[in-house]
């Protein structure tokens, strides 16, 4: 099996000043191509350290994706370090220099002399096109390893990996079938409670049950080789059963996308009024492609659960569409109400955990509201007992 690794470069990545989203994206993308990463490293903008890690990994990895350090400034060291590690000189690439000059001319901007540096790549390496930026990538062979050098800008990096690097790897290597990963996301159950239900499941050899906790959700993942897909599919209903009412969606699209899909299928429109969530609920729905009939931010006046439900019913009648309402927080509790043509209901949930930040409490409230809407669209009762986010009061109309 190919040993595939990634090396991220840059002081800002190493120090945590920026989040390395490229590494997360590449790991997921390669996993689904049948090339799961076996190691990831990060090195700062230090020439000797960069040369050393390139030489070290070239003896261990079959493929190494090097990300960052191809810009025009003095701390962009990847090309020079690669040349040093390979024992060759940097040489100008006239074709790429002409492309950089054209890039700036098209935009009516002068090209700084430092940009010429981006046309220097190690002698004998293969240039890799960058269709959306001025930093060309390159590939070279060093010891047992095939190294690919890419810019750190995410939009450029992703295009180069999918359009340039992956086709080269596929042409040169016989890749295994991608592993199968069945996923569902839960809300309200603790990781230990889920594990207690799922750990007794008899898993085929090579199949793993994984848990990813990211407050306020926990993702369950059943991962194994493609050859065991049939056995994994047979187990999956038992995973769903263990998740119970805490299951909010399957796959990776997310709860807003799930709700948006159901609304599109059923040709349902929606009105939203929110206070505690401060527009977050409307934002999540809009980003998922839901065009709201109306969206309003309420005042912070205290409301009983009956008053919040009445507000939702009035908004539904006014807009001739289902309405979702989130009240202000009152003594640590928030009211959430949904009024539609086939069901109306409201619940009060306590969101005063001192370990939760205000932003996290807003996310939890928005997820509870979206989940109420999902359950209504799927023909389920609007509320359910879901562990630590169970409602303390429920009102049906």
Protein backbone atom coordinates (compact mmCIF):
# COMPACT_ATOMS: atom_id res chain seq x y z
CA UNK A 1 0.00 0.00 0.00
CA UNK A 2 1.31 3.45 -0.89
CA UNK A 3 2.56 5.55 2.00
CA UNK A 4 1.10 9.00 1.39
CA UNK A 5 2.09 11.95 3.57
CA UNK A 6 1.58 15.70 3.74
CA UNK A 7 4.00 18.40 4.83
CA UNK A 8 2.55 21.80 5.71
CA UNK A 9 4.97 24.74 5.86
CA UNK A 10 4.91 28.19 7.38
CA UNK A 11 5.43 29.83 10.76
CA UNK A 12 1.80 30.95 10.83
CA UNK A 13 0.65 27.32 10.50
CA UNK A 14 3.17 25.94 12.98
CA UNK A 15 2.32 28.58 15.60
CA UNK A 16 -1.44 28.17 15.21
CA UNK A 17 -2.01 31.70 13.91
CA UNK A 18 -4.04 30.16 11.08
CA UNK A 19 -5.94 26.88 10.98
CA UNK A 20 -4.52 24.36 8.51
CA UNK A 21 -7.72 23.78 6.54
CA UNK A 22 -5.70 22.49 3.57
CA UNK A 23 -4.52 19.51 5.62
CA UNK A 24 -8.05 18.60 6.68
CA UNK A 25 -9.34 18.94 3.13
CA UNK A 26 -6.52 16.86 1.62
CA UNK A 27 -6.91 14.09 4.19
CA UNK A 28 -10.62 13.81 3.40
CA UNK A 29 -10.14 14.07 -0.36
CA UNK A 30 -7.37 11.47 -0.50
CA UNK A 31 -9.32 9.14 1.78
CA UNK A 32 -12.15 9.07 -0.75
CA UNK A 33 -9.67 8.42 -3.57
CA UNK A 34 -8.29 5.31 -1.86
CA UNK A 35 -5.16 7.14 -0.67
CA UNK A 36 -5.57 7.68 3.08
CA UNK A 37 -2.77 9.74 4.59
CA UNK A 38 -0.47 7.85 6.94
CA UNK A 39 1.34 10.91 8.33
CA UNK A 40 1.14 14.72 8.46
CA UNK A 41 4.00 17.01 9.45
CA UNK A 42 4.34 20.78 9.87
CA UNK A 43 7.55 22.81 9.66
CA UNK A 44 8.11 26.54 10.03
CA UNK A 45 9.90 28.98 7.73
CA UNK A 46 13.36 27.67 8.55
CA UNK A 47 15.49 26.65 5.59
CA UNK A 48 17.58 24.01 7.39
CA UNK A 49 14.52 22.43 9.02
CA UNK A 50 12.69 22.30 5.71
CA UNK A 51 15.62 20.66 3.90
CA UNK A 52 16.01 18.15 6.73
CA UNK A 53 12.37 17.08 6.76
CA UNK A 54 12.27 16.75 2.96
CA UNK A 55 15.33 14.49 3.05
CA UNK A 56 13.93 12.47 5.98
CA UNK A 57 10.46 11.88 4.53
CA UNK A 58 11.84 11.11 1.05
CA UNK A 59 13.26 7.90 2.54
CA UNK A 60 9.93 6.94 4.20
CA UNK A 61 7.03 8.09 2.03
CA UNK A 62 6.02 7.05 -1.48
CA UNK A 63 4.13 10.31 -2.11
CA UNK A 64 4.60 13.58 -0.22
CA UNK A 65 2.37 16.61 -0.76
CA UNK A 66 4.24 19.75 0.32
CA UNK A 67 1.96 22.73 0.91
CA UNK A 68 3.05 26.35 1.14
CA UNK A 69 6.22 28.38 0.65
CA UNK A 70 5.91 29.13 -3.08
CA UNK A 71 5.15 32.84 -2.81
CA UNK A 72 7.35 35.79 -3.83
CA UNK A 73 8.61 36.82 -0.38
CA UNK A 74 11.77 36.00 1.53
CA UNK A 75 10.08 33.50 3.85
CA UNK A 76 8.84 31.38 0.91
CA UNK A 77 11.55 28.72 0.93
CA UNK A 78 10.05 25.53 -0.50
CA UNK A 79 11.59 25.67 -4.00
CA UNK A 80 15.06 26.49 -2.71
CA UNK A 81 14.83 23.81 0.00
CA UNK A 82 13.70 21.21 -2.54
CA UNK A 83 16.65 22.09 -4.79
CA UNK A 84 19.05 21.80 -1.85
CA UNK A 85 17.61 18.44 -0.79
CA UNK A 86 17.85 17.12 -4.37
CA UNK A 87 21.35 18.51 -4.89
CA UNK A 88 20.39 20.60 -7.92
CA UNK A 89 20.20 24.29 -8.78
CA UNK A 90 17.12 26.43 -9.18
CA UNK A 91 16.42 27.33 -12.78
CA UNK A 92 14.07 29.82 -14.36
CA UNK A 93 11.05 28.51 -16.20
CA UNK A 94 10.43 30.97 -19.08
CA UNK A 95 6.95 29.65 -19.81
CA UNK A 96 5.79 30.32 -16.28
CA UNK A 97 7.48 33.72 -16.10
CA UNK A 98 5.57 34.74 -19.23
CA UNK A 99 2.34 33.55 -17.62
CA UNK A 100 2.99 35.65 -14.49
CA UNK A 101 3.71 38.73 -16.60
CA UNK A 102 0.49 38.16 -18.56
CA UNK A 103 -1.43 37.69 -15.29
CA UNK A 104 -0.43 41.15 -14.05
CA UNK A 105 -0.79 42.82 -17.46
CA UNK A 106 -4.37 41.58 -17.77
CA UNK A 107 -5.19 43.23 -14.47
CA UNK A 108 -3.42 46.48 -15.33
CA UNK A 109 -0.98 46.08 -12.44
CA UNK A 110 2.81 46.27 -12.47
CA UNK A 111 4.59 43.02 -11.61
CA UNK A 112 6.99 43.38 -8.68
CA UNK A 113 10.51 42.06 -9.33
CA UNK A 114 10.04 39.62 -6.44
CA UNK A 115 7.37 37.75 -8.43
CA UNK A 116 10.09 36.49 -10.80
CA UNK A 117 11.07 34.19 -7.94
CA UNK A 118 7.87 32.21 -8.53
CA UNK A 119 9.19 31.01 -11.89
CA UNK A 120 12.25 29.35 -10.27
CA UNK A 121 11.95 25.60 -9.75
CA UNK A 122 14.56 22.87 -9.11
CA UNK A 123 16.40 21.68 -12.22
CA UNK A 124 14.91 18.47 -13.58
CA UNK A 125 11.58 18.89 -11.82
CA UNK A 126 8.22 18.89 -13.60
CA UNK A 127 6.23 22.11 -13.54
CA UNK A 128 2.63 21.75 -12.35
CA UNK A 129 0.18 24.33 -13.64
CA UNK A 130 -1.68 26.66 -11.33
CA UNK A 131 -4.71 27.90 -13.28
CA UNK A 132 -5.79 30.48 -10.67
CA UNK A 133 -2.61 32.00 -9.23
CA UNK A 134 0.97 33.10 -9.87
CA UNK A 135 2.77 30.32 -7.98
CA UNK A 136 3.45 27.30 -10.15
CA UNK A 137 3.78 23.95 -8.49
CA UNK A 138 6.34 21.33 -9.33
CA UNK A 139 7.05 17.64 -8.82
CA UNK A 140 10.33 15.82 -8.38
CA UNK A 141 11.63 12.40 -7.43
CA UNK A 142 13.89 12.14 -4.40
CA UNK A 143 15.07 8.80 -3.07
CA UNK A 144 11.95 6.57 -2.91
CA UNK A 145 9.49 9.48 -2.87
CA UNK A 146 7.48 11.44 -5.43
CA UNK A 147 7.16 14.96 -4.04
CA UNK A 148 4.53 17.47 -5.14
CA UNK A 149 4.96 21.13 -4.17
CA UNK A 150 1.84 23.30 -3.97
CA UNK A 151 0.95 26.87 -2.89
CA UNK A 152 -0.77 27.49 0.41
CA UNK A 153 -3.74 29.49 -0.91
CA UNK A 154 -6.66 27.03 -0.45
CA UNK A 155 -8.41 27.80 -3.76
CA UNK A 156 -5.15 27.28 -5.68
CA UNK A 157 -4.15 24.21 -3.67
CA UNK A 158 -7.45 22.39 -4.21
CA UNK A 159 -7.49 23.03 -7.95
CA UNK A 160 -3.93 21.78 -8.34
CA UNK A 161 -4.56 18.62 -6.31
CA UNK A 162 -7.77 17.67 -8.13
CA UNK A 163 -6.82 18.75 -11.67
CA UNK A 164 -3.07 18.21 -11.79
CA UNK A 165 -1.74 15.97 -9.04
CA UNK A 166 -4.43 13.32 -8.64
CA UNK A 167 -4.53 12.52 -12.39
CA UNK A 168 -0.73 12.05 -12.36
CA UNK A 169 -0.94 9.69 -9.40
CA UNK A 170 -3.75 7.69 -10.99
CA UNK A 171 -1.83 7.36 -14.24
CA UNK A 172 1.31 6.14 -12.49
CA UNK A 173 -0.08 3.98 -9.66
CA UNK A 174 -2.66 1.24 -9.19
CA UNK A 175 -4.89 2.52 -6.45
CA UNK A 176 -7.05 0.40 -4.13
CA UNK A 177 -10.77 0.92 -3.88
CA UNK A 178 -11.59 3.77 -1.48
CA UNK A 179 -12.60 2.62 2.01
CA UNK A 180 -16.28 2.76 2.87
CA UNK A 181 -17.30 5.21 5.60
CA UNK A 182 -20.92 5.25 6.73
CA UNK A 183 -21.72 8.33 8.83
CA UNK A 184 -24.53 9.69 10.92
CA UNK A 185 -24.65 12.65 13.27
CA UNK A 186 -26.33 12.72 16.65
CA UNK A 187 -27.37 15.56 18.91
CA UNK A 188 -28.03 15.34 22.64
CA UNK A 189 -26.54 11.95 23.49
CA UNK A 190 -23.16 11.75 25.22
CA UNK A 191 -20.27 9.91 23.60
CA UNK A 192 -20.07 7.45 26.51
CA UNK A 193 -23.80 6.64 26.28
CA UNK A 194 -23.51 5.97 22.55
CA UNK A 195 -20.38 3.86 23.04
CA UNK A 196 -22.15 1.76 25.68
CA UNK A 197 -24.84 0.92 23.12
CA UNK A 198 -22.52 0.40 20.16
CA UNK A 199 -19.40 -1.25 21.58
CA UNK A 200 -21.12 -4.67 21.87
CA UNK A 201 -21.80 -4.73 18.10
CA UNK A 202 -19.90 -7.61 16.44
CA UNK A 203 -17.75 -5.85 13.84
CA UNK A 204 -16.11 -7.76 10.99
CA UNK A 205 -12.30 -7.78 11.10
CA UNK A 206 -11.03 -4.58 9.51
CA UNK A 207 -14.21 -2.58 10.28
CA UNK A 208 -13.97 0.13 12.94
CA UNK A 209 -16.65 2.11 14.81
CA UNK A 210 -15.44 5.65 15.35
CA UNK A 211 -16.74 8.63 17.30
CA UNK A 212 -16.07 12.30 16.51
CA UNK A 213 -17.22 14.71 19.17
CA UNK A 214 -17.56 18.36 18.20
CA UNK A 215 -19.90 20.16 20.58
CA UNK A 216 -22.85 20.09 20.23
CA UNK A 217 -22.85 17.03 17.95
CA UNK A 218 -21.28 13.57 17.89
CA UNK A 219 -20.66 11.84 14.59
CA UNK A 220 -20.69 8.06 14.36
CA UNK A 221 -18.54 6.51 11.63
CA UNK A 222 -18.45 2.89 10.53
CA UNK A 223 -15.30 2.55 8.41
CA UNK A 224 -13.93 -0.47 6.58
CA UNK A 225 -12.64 -1.83 3.28
CA UNK A 226 -14.88 -1.71 0.22
CA UNK A 227 -14.93 -5.53 0.12
CA UNK A 228 -16.92 -5.53 3.36
CA UNK A 229 -19.59 -3.06 2.21
CA UNK A 230 -22.35 -5.69 2.37
CA UNK A 231 -21.53 -6.60 5.98
CA UNK A 232 -21.34 -2.91 6.95
CA UNK A 233 -24.71 -2.17 5.35
CA UNK A 234 -26.22 -5.06 7.33
CA UNK A 235 -24.88 -3.54 10.59
CA UNK A 236 -25.94 0.03 9.84
CA UNK A 237 -29.62 -0.31 10.94
CA UNK A 238 -28.37 -1.31 14.39
CA UNK A 239 -26.26 1.85 14.54
CA UNK A 240 -29.32 3.92 13.62
CA UNK A 241 -31.33 2.12 16.27
CA UNK A 242 -28.71 2.88 18.92
CA UNK A 243 -28.71 6.57 17.94
CA UNK A 244 -32.50 6.68 18.30
CA UNK A 245 -34.09 10.12 18.52
CA UNK A 246 -30.67 11.73 18.79
CA UNK A 247 -30.02 11.01 15.08
CA UNK A 248 -30.40 14.27 13.14
CA UNK A 249 -28.91 13.45 9.71
CA UNK A 250 -26.85 10.91 7.79
CA UNK A 251 -23.90 11.60 5.52
CA UNK A 252 -21.81 14.76 5.63
CA UNK A 253 -24.01 17.53 4.22
CA UNK A 254 -25.23 18.83 7.59
CA UNK A 255 -28.58 19.52 9.22
CA UNK A 256 -29.37 22.78 7.35
CA UNK A 257 -28.77 21.00 4.04
CA UNK A 258 -30.98 18.11 5.14
CA UNK A 259 -33.79 20.53 6.03
CA UNK A 260 -33.31 22.44 2.76
CA UNK A 261 -33.59 19.20 0.78
CA UNK A 262 -36.79 18.17 2.54
CA UNK A 263 -38.32 21.61 2.02
CA UNK A 264 -37.48 21.52 -1.69
CA UNK A 265 -38.96 18.03 -2.10
CA UNK A 266 -42.18 19.03 -0.37
CA UNK A 267 -42.27 22.56 -1.86
CA UNK A 268 -42.47 24.06 1.62
CA UNK A 269 -41.64 27.69 2.37
CA UNK A 270 -40.81 29.06 5.80
CA UNK A 271 -40.95 32.18 7.96
CA UNK A 272 -38.52 32.69 10.83
CA UNK A 273 -38.56 35.01 13.85
CA UNK A 274 -35.70 34.73 16.33
CA UNK A 275 -34.23 36.54 19.28
CA UNK A 276 -31.76 34.39 21.23
CA UNK A 277 -30.13 33.04 18.06
CA UNK A 278 -29.69 36.59 16.73
CA UNK A 279 -30.15 35.72 13.04
CA UNK A 280 -28.01 32.55 13.11
CA UNK A 281 -30.97 30.34 12.24
CA UNK A 282 -31.87 32.44 9.18
CA UNK A 283 -28.22 32.57 8.12
CA UNK A 284 -27.82 28.79 8.26
CA UNK A 285 -30.99 28.24 6.25
CA UNK A 286 -30.02 30.86 3.66
CA UNK A 287 -26.59 29.33 3.21
CA UNK A 288 -28.28 25.97 2.59
CA UNK A 289 -30.36 27.53 -0.18
CA UNK A 290 -33.62 28.18 1.66
CA UNK A 291 -35.34 31.41 0.58
CA UNK A 292 -37.32 32.52 3.61
CA UNK A 293 -40.74 34.15 3.31
CA UNK A 294 -39.72 36.43 6.14
CA UNK A 295 -37.00 36.66 8.73
CA UNK A 296 -37.16 38.90 11.76
CA UNK A 297 -35.14 39.60 14.90
CA UNK A 298 -37.45 39.85 17.89
CA UNK A 299 -37.16 42.07 20.93
CA UNK A 300 -36.01 40.57 24.21
CA UNK A 301 -39.32 40.65 26.09
CA UNK A 302 -39.99 37.61 28.32
CA UNK A 303 -42.57 35.17 26.95
CA UNK A 304 -44.35 32.15 28.28
CA UNK A 305 -44.21 28.98 26.22
CA UNK A 306 -47.84 29.55 25.22
CA UNK A 307 -47.02 33.08 24.03
CA UNK A 308 -44.12 31.85 21.87
CA UNK A 309 -46.38 29.23 20.30
CA UNK A 310 -49.07 31.85 19.70
CA UNK A 311 -46.48 34.07 18.01
CA UNK A 312 -45.53 31.21 15.68
CA UNK A 313 -49.17 30.51 14.86
CA UNK A 314 -49.85 34.18 14.11
CA UNK A 315 -46.80 34.41 11.86
CA UNK A 316 -47.82 31.23 10.04
CA UNK A 317 -51.32 32.60 9.37
CA UNK A 318 -49.91 35.95 8.24
CA UNK A 319 -47.38 34.43 5.80
CA UNK A 320 -49.49 31.40 4.78
CA UNK A 321 -46.47 29.21 5.51
CA UNK A 322 -44.95 27.28 8.40
CA UNK A 323 -43.27 29.52 10.98
CA UNK A 324 -40.34 28.86 13.31
CA UNK A 325 -39.79 31.09 16.35
CA UNK A 326 -36.95 31.27 18.88
CA UNK A 327 -37.62 33.43 21.94
CA UNK A 328 -35.24 35.39 24.14
CA UNK A 329 -33.46 33.62 26.99
CA UNK A 330 -35.40 33.79 30.24
CA UNK A 331 -33.90 32.46 33.47
CA UNK A 332 -31.53 30.32 31.44
CA UNK A 333 -34.27 28.84 29.23
CA UNK A 334 -35.23 29.44 25.59
CA UNK A 335 -38.59 28.76 23.93
CA UNK A 336 -38.70 27.27 20.42
CA UNK A 337 -41.99 26.97 18.55
CA UNK A 338 -43.10 25.66 15.16
CA UNK A 339 -46.50 26.24 13.62
CA UNK A 340 -47.50 24.55 10.40
CA UNK A 341 -50.63 23.34 8.67
CA UNK A 342 -50.37 19.80 10.04
CA UNK A 343 -48.78 20.31 13.47
CA UNK A 344 -47.97 22.98 16.01
CA UNK A 345 -45.77 22.69 19.04
CA UNK A 346 -43.30 24.40 21.33
CA UNK A 347 -40.63 23.42 23.80
CA UNK A 348 -38.63 25.14 26.51
CA UNK A 349 -34.96 24.13 26.81
CA UNK A 350 -32.50 25.16 29.50
CA UNK A 351 -29.27 26.50 27.98
CA UNK A 352 -27.33 27.82 30.95
CA UNK A 353 -24.38 25.44 31.19
CA UNK A 354 -21.48 27.62 32.43
CA UNK A 355 -19.04 25.55 30.37
CA UNK A 356 -20.80 26.63 27.16
CA UNK A 357 -19.92 29.97 25.60
CA UNK A 358 -22.73 32.32 24.48
CA UNK A 359 -21.92 31.48 20.85
CA UNK A 360 -22.17 27.74 21.53
CA UNK A 361 -25.52 28.21 23.28
CA UNK A 362 -26.79 30.04 20.19
CA UNK A 363 -25.60 27.15 17.99
CA UNK A 364 -27.38 24.65 20.23
CA UNK A 365 -30.63 26.66 20.07
CA UNK A 366 -30.40 26.95 16.28
CA UNK A 367 -29.80 23.21 15.98
CA UNK A 368 -32.76 22.44 18.21
CA UNK A 369 -34.97 24.66 16.04
CA UNK A 370 -33.72 23.10 12.81
CA UNK A 371 -34.18 19.62 14.25
CA UNK A 372 -37.77 20.45 15.21
CA UNK A 373 -38.36 21.56 11.63
CA UNK A 374 -36.70 18.40 10.27
CA UNK A 375 -38.85 16.17 12.45
CA UNK A 376 -41.98 17.96 11.25
CA UNK A 377 -40.95 17.59 7.59
CA UNK A 378 -40.29 13.87 8.15
CA UNK A 379 -43.68 13.36 9.81
CA UNK A 380 -42.26 12.72 13.30
CA UNK A 381 -43.38 14.24 16.61
CA UNK A 382 -41.92 17.72 16.92
CA UNK A 383 -40.05 17.04 20.15
CA UNK A 384 -38.16 14.11 21.59
CA UNK A 385 -36.20 13.23 24.71
CA UNK A 386 -32.59 13.59 23.57
CA UNK A 387 -30.29 13.31 26.57
CA UNK A 388 -28.76 16.51 27.92
CA UNK A 389 -30.80 18.76 25.59
CA UNK A 390 -34.15 17.29 26.53
CA UNK A 391 -36.93 19.93 26.80
CA UNK A 392 -38.08 20.83 30.28
CA UNK A 393 -41.55 21.77 29.03
CA UNK A 394 -43.51 20.88 25.88
CA UNK A 395 -46.73 22.40 24.52
CA UNK A 396 -48.73 20.95 21.62
CA UNK A 397 -51.61 22.62 19.84
